[in-house]
Amino acid sequence: MSNIKSVKIAPDFENRYPGSSAKATECAMNLVLTAELLQKCIASLIQPFDLSPATGLVLSILADSETPLSPNNIAQRLIISRASVTSLLDSLEKRGFVKRQPHLSDRRMLSVVLTDSGRQVANQFRPIVHKQQKVWLEALNEKEQEQLTQMLHRLQASLMDSSQSNPENAALNQYR
């Protein structure tokens, strides 16, 4: 097995942090660790294409779209800020993978189009990533994968609801 250790919470955690839950914190921290591990694994798979996970996602979103997308639409799909998308698009445009052009009906807006070379790169790296995702998730059987997806959806909904009802969680509102 791997030398990565899952996160364990100290037995006196709830005494040190009244009103907390050691199990909830352990779950949250292990989710973060899992996300970081997935991102590192994906980054290593697409590194030969000189892509980051974020630029790879932009190419994937555009490859799946039947029409050009606005930078704002890409930002919403990636759950990141418009400024971050601008930086990603700058990088991809310099490499000839995307092109920004005026929107057809509103000249004040931009549309992002995948170029032929961008589509070619997307068509090369995506099968590699998707094949490896299957391998990684074989640690869970198909029923467990479905259960995990359902549990993650419930957790995501809870986080979104929490961000709506608690002004302290305003940062989460950007994901809505």
Protein backbone atom coordinates (compact mmCIF):
# COMPACT_ATOMS: atom_id res chain seq x y z
CA MET A 1 0.00 0.00 0.00
CA SER A 2 1.02 3.65 0.00
CA ASN A 3 2.98 5.62 2.56
CA ILE A 4 0.18 8.23 2.75
CA LYS A 5 -1.57 8.07 6.10
CA SER A 6 -5.17 9.06 6.46
CA VAL A 7 -5.88 11.88 8.87
CA LYS A 8 -6.68 10.83 12.43
CA ILE A 9 -8.02 13.19 15.07
CA ALA A 10 -6.69 13.25 18.65
CA PRO A 11 -8.88 11.51 21.23
CA ASP A 12 -9.28 14.73 23.25
CA PHE A 13 -10.32 16.80 20.21
CA GLU A 14 -13.90 17.43 21.35
CA ASN A 15 -12.70 18.51 24.81
CA ARG A 16 -10.29 21.01 23.26
CA TYR A 17 -12.93 22.29 20.81
CA PRO A 18 -16.32 22.28 22.55
CA GLY A 19 -19.25 21.95 20.19
CA SER A 20 -17.10 20.21 17.59
CA SER A 21 -17.18 16.67 16.24
CA ALA A 22 -13.99 14.66 15.92
CA LYS A 23 -15.64 12.44 13.29
CA ALA A 24 -16.83 15.44 11.23
CA THR A 25 -13.37 17.02 11.33
CA GLU A 26 -11.73 13.70 10.46
CA CYS A 27 -14.10 13.30 7.49
CA ALA A 28 -13.51 16.86 6.27
CA MET A 29 -9.74 16.58 6.54
CA ASN A 30 -9.70 13.22 4.74
CA LEU A 31 -11.87 14.67 1.96
CA VAL A 32 -9.36 17.48 1.52
CA LEU A 33 -6.47 15.00 1.49
CA THR A 34 -8.28 12.84 -1.09
CA ALA A 35 -8.97 15.86 -3.32
CA GLU A 36 -5.32 16.90 -3.13
CA LEU A 37 -4.16 13.38 -4.01
CA LEU A 38 -6.55 13.21 -6.98
CA GLN A 39 -5.38 16.58 -8.21
CA LYS A 40 -1.71 15.55 -7.95
CA CYS A 41 -2.39 12.30 -9.80
CA ILE A 42 -4.28 14.08 -12.58
CA ALA A 43 -1.54 16.72 -12.78
CA SER A 44 1.07 14.02 -13.31
CA LEU A 45 -1.02 12.43 -16.08
CA ILE A 46 -1.47 15.66 -18.03
CA GLN A 47 1.97 17.12 -17.34
CA PRO A 48 3.34 15.58 -20.58
CA PHE A 49 0.80 17.77 -22.42
CA ASP A 50 2.13 20.83 -20.54
CA LEU A 51 -1.28 21.33 -18.91
CA SER A 52 -2.37 21.95 -15.35
CA PRO A 53 -5.53 20.32 -13.99
CA ALA A 54 -7.28 23.69 -14.38
CA THR A 55 -6.22 24.26 -18.00
CA GLY A 56 -7.13 20.66 -18.77
CA LEU A 57 -10.60 21.25 -17.34
CA VAL A 58 -11.06 24.35 -19.48
CA LEU A 59 -10.14 22.37 -22.60
CA SER A 60 -12.50 19.57 -21.52
CA ILE A 61 -15.41 21.94 -20.94
CA LEU A 62 -14.89 23.52 -24.34
CA ALA A 63 -14.48 20.14 -26.05
CA ASP A 64 -17.82 19.00 -24.61
CA SER A 65 -19.63 22.19 -25.57
CA GLU A 66 -21.45 22.35 -28.87
CA THR A 67 -21.20 26.15 -28.91
CA PRO A 68 -18.58 28.69 -27.86
CA LEU A 69 -18.74 29.63 -24.17
CA SER A 70 -18.32 32.93 -22.41
CA PRO A 71 -15.50 33.24 -19.87
CA ASN A 72 -18.18 33.75 -17.21
CA ASN A 73 -19.85 30.47 -18.17
CA ILE A 74 -16.50 28.67 -17.95
CA ALA A 75 -15.90 30.24 -14.52
CA GLN A 76 -19.27 29.00 -13.29
CA ARG A 77 -18.63 25.48 -14.55
CA LEU A 78 -15.17 25.38 -12.96
CA ILE A 79 -16.40 26.97 -9.75
CA ILE A 80 -13.66 29.61 -9.84
CA SER A 81 -13.50 33.37 -10.20
CA ARG A 82 -13.75 35.18 -13.52
CA ALA A 83 -10.23 36.57 -12.95
CA SER A 84 -8.83 33.04 -12.59
CA VAL A 85 -10.50 32.01 -15.85
CA THR A 86 -8.96 35.00 -17.61
CA SER A 87 -5.51 33.83 -16.54
CA LEU A 88 -6.20 30.26 -17.70
CA LEU A 89 -7.54 31.51 -21.04
CA ASP A 90 -4.49 33.75 -21.50
CA SER A 91 -2.25 30.72 -21.07
CA LEU A 92 -4.29 28.53 -23.41
CA GLU A 93 -4.60 31.26 -26.03
CA LYS A 94 -0.83 31.86 -26.08
CA ARG A 95 -0.40 28.17 -26.91
CA GLY A 96 -3.01 28.28 -29.65
CA PHE A 97 -5.50 25.98 -27.88
CA VAL A 98 -8.33 28.51 -27.58
CA LYS A 99 -9.38 31.68 -29.29
CA ARG A 100 -11.42 34.54 -27.83
CA GLN A 101 -13.75 36.24 -30.25
CA PRO A 102 -16.61 38.74 -30.02
CA HIS A 103 -19.95 37.25 -29.03
CA LEU A 104 -22.31 36.91 -31.99
CA SER A 105 -25.25 38.79 -30.49
CA ASP A 106 -23.56 41.07 -27.92
CA ARG A 107 -20.32 42.66 -29.13
CA ARG A 108 -19.45 43.71 -25.55
CA MET A 109 -19.08 40.05 -24.59
CA LEU A 110 -16.49 37.47 -25.59
CA SER A 111 -16.88 33.86 -26.63
CA VAL A 112 -14.18 31.25 -26.20
CA VAL A 113 -13.66 28.73 -29.00
CA LEU A 114 -11.54 25.60 -28.91
CA THR A 115 -9.05 25.58 -31.79
CA ASP A 116 -8.22 22.46 -33.78
CA SER A 117 -4.96 22.05 -31.85
CA GLY A 118 -6.84 22.52 -28.56
CA ARG A 119 -9.33 19.83 -29.56
CA GLN A 120 -6.48 17.52 -30.58
CA VAL A 121 -4.78 17.91 -27.19
CA ALA A 122 -8.09 17.40 -25.37
CA ASN A 123 -8.72 14.25 -27.40
CA GLN A 124 -5.27 12.96 -26.45
CA PHE A 125 -5.24 13.55 -22.68
CA ARG A 126 -8.88 12.89 -21.77
CA PRO A 127 -8.89 9.13 -22.50
CA ILE A 128 -5.73 8.76 -20.42
CA VAL A 129 -7.26 10.56 -17.43
CA HIS A 130 -10.62 8.75 -17.68
CA LYS A 131 -8.94 5.35 -17.95
CA GLN A 132 -6.87 6.07 -14.86
CA GLN A 133 -9.90 7.34 -12.93
CA LYS A 134 -11.45 3.93 -13.48
CA VAL A 135 -8.34 2.28 -12.06
CA TRP A 136 -8.23 4.58 -9.01
CA LEU A 137 -11.88 4.06 -8.20
CA GLU A 138 -11.63 0.28 -8.47
CA ALA A 139 -10.77 0.50 -4.77
CA LEU A 140 -14.57 0.75 -4.47
CA ASN A 141 -17.07 -1.55 -6.14
CA GLU A 142 -19.72 -0.05 -8.41
CA LYS A 143 -22.34 0.14 -5.65
CA GLU A 144 -19.85 1.87 -3.33
CA GLN A 145 -18.96 4.34 -6.09
CA GLU A 146 -22.64 5.19 -6.49
CA GLN A 147 -23.05 5.54 -2.72
CA LEU A 148 -19.99 7.78 -2.53
CA THR A 149 -21.36 9.99 -5.30
CA GLN A 150 -24.72 10.25 -3.51
CA MET A 151 -23.04 11.08 -0.20
CA LEU A 152 -20.85 13.72 -1.85
CA HIS A 153 -23.93 15.28 -3.46
CA ARG A 154 -25.64 15.46 -0.04
CA LEU A 155 -22.53 17.02 1.49
CA GLN A 156 -22.25 19.52 -1.37
CA ALA A 157 -25.91 20.50 -0.91
CA SER A 158 -25.38 20.92 2.82
CA LEU A 159 -22.35 23.13 2.23
CA MET A 160 -24.29 25.25 -0.26
CA ASP A 161 -27.27 25.56 2.09
CA SER A 162 -24.92 26.52 4.91
CA SER A 163 -23.33 29.21 2.77
CA GLN A 164 -26.77 30.69 2.05
CA SER A 165 -27.89 30.81 5.67
CA ASN A 166 -24.61 31.90 7.27
CA PRO A 167 -23.01 35.21 6.21
CA GLU A 168 -19.68 33.96 7.55
CA ASN A 169 -19.69 31.44 4.70
CA ALA A 170 -20.12 34.10 2.01
CA ALA A 171 -17.05 32.80 0.18
CA LEU A 172 -18.97 29.62 -0.67
CA ASN A 173 -21.61 31.67 -2.48
CA GLN A 174 -19.26 31.99 -5.46
CA TYR A 175 -19.90 28.30 -6.16
CA ARG A 176 -23.65 28.72 -6.63
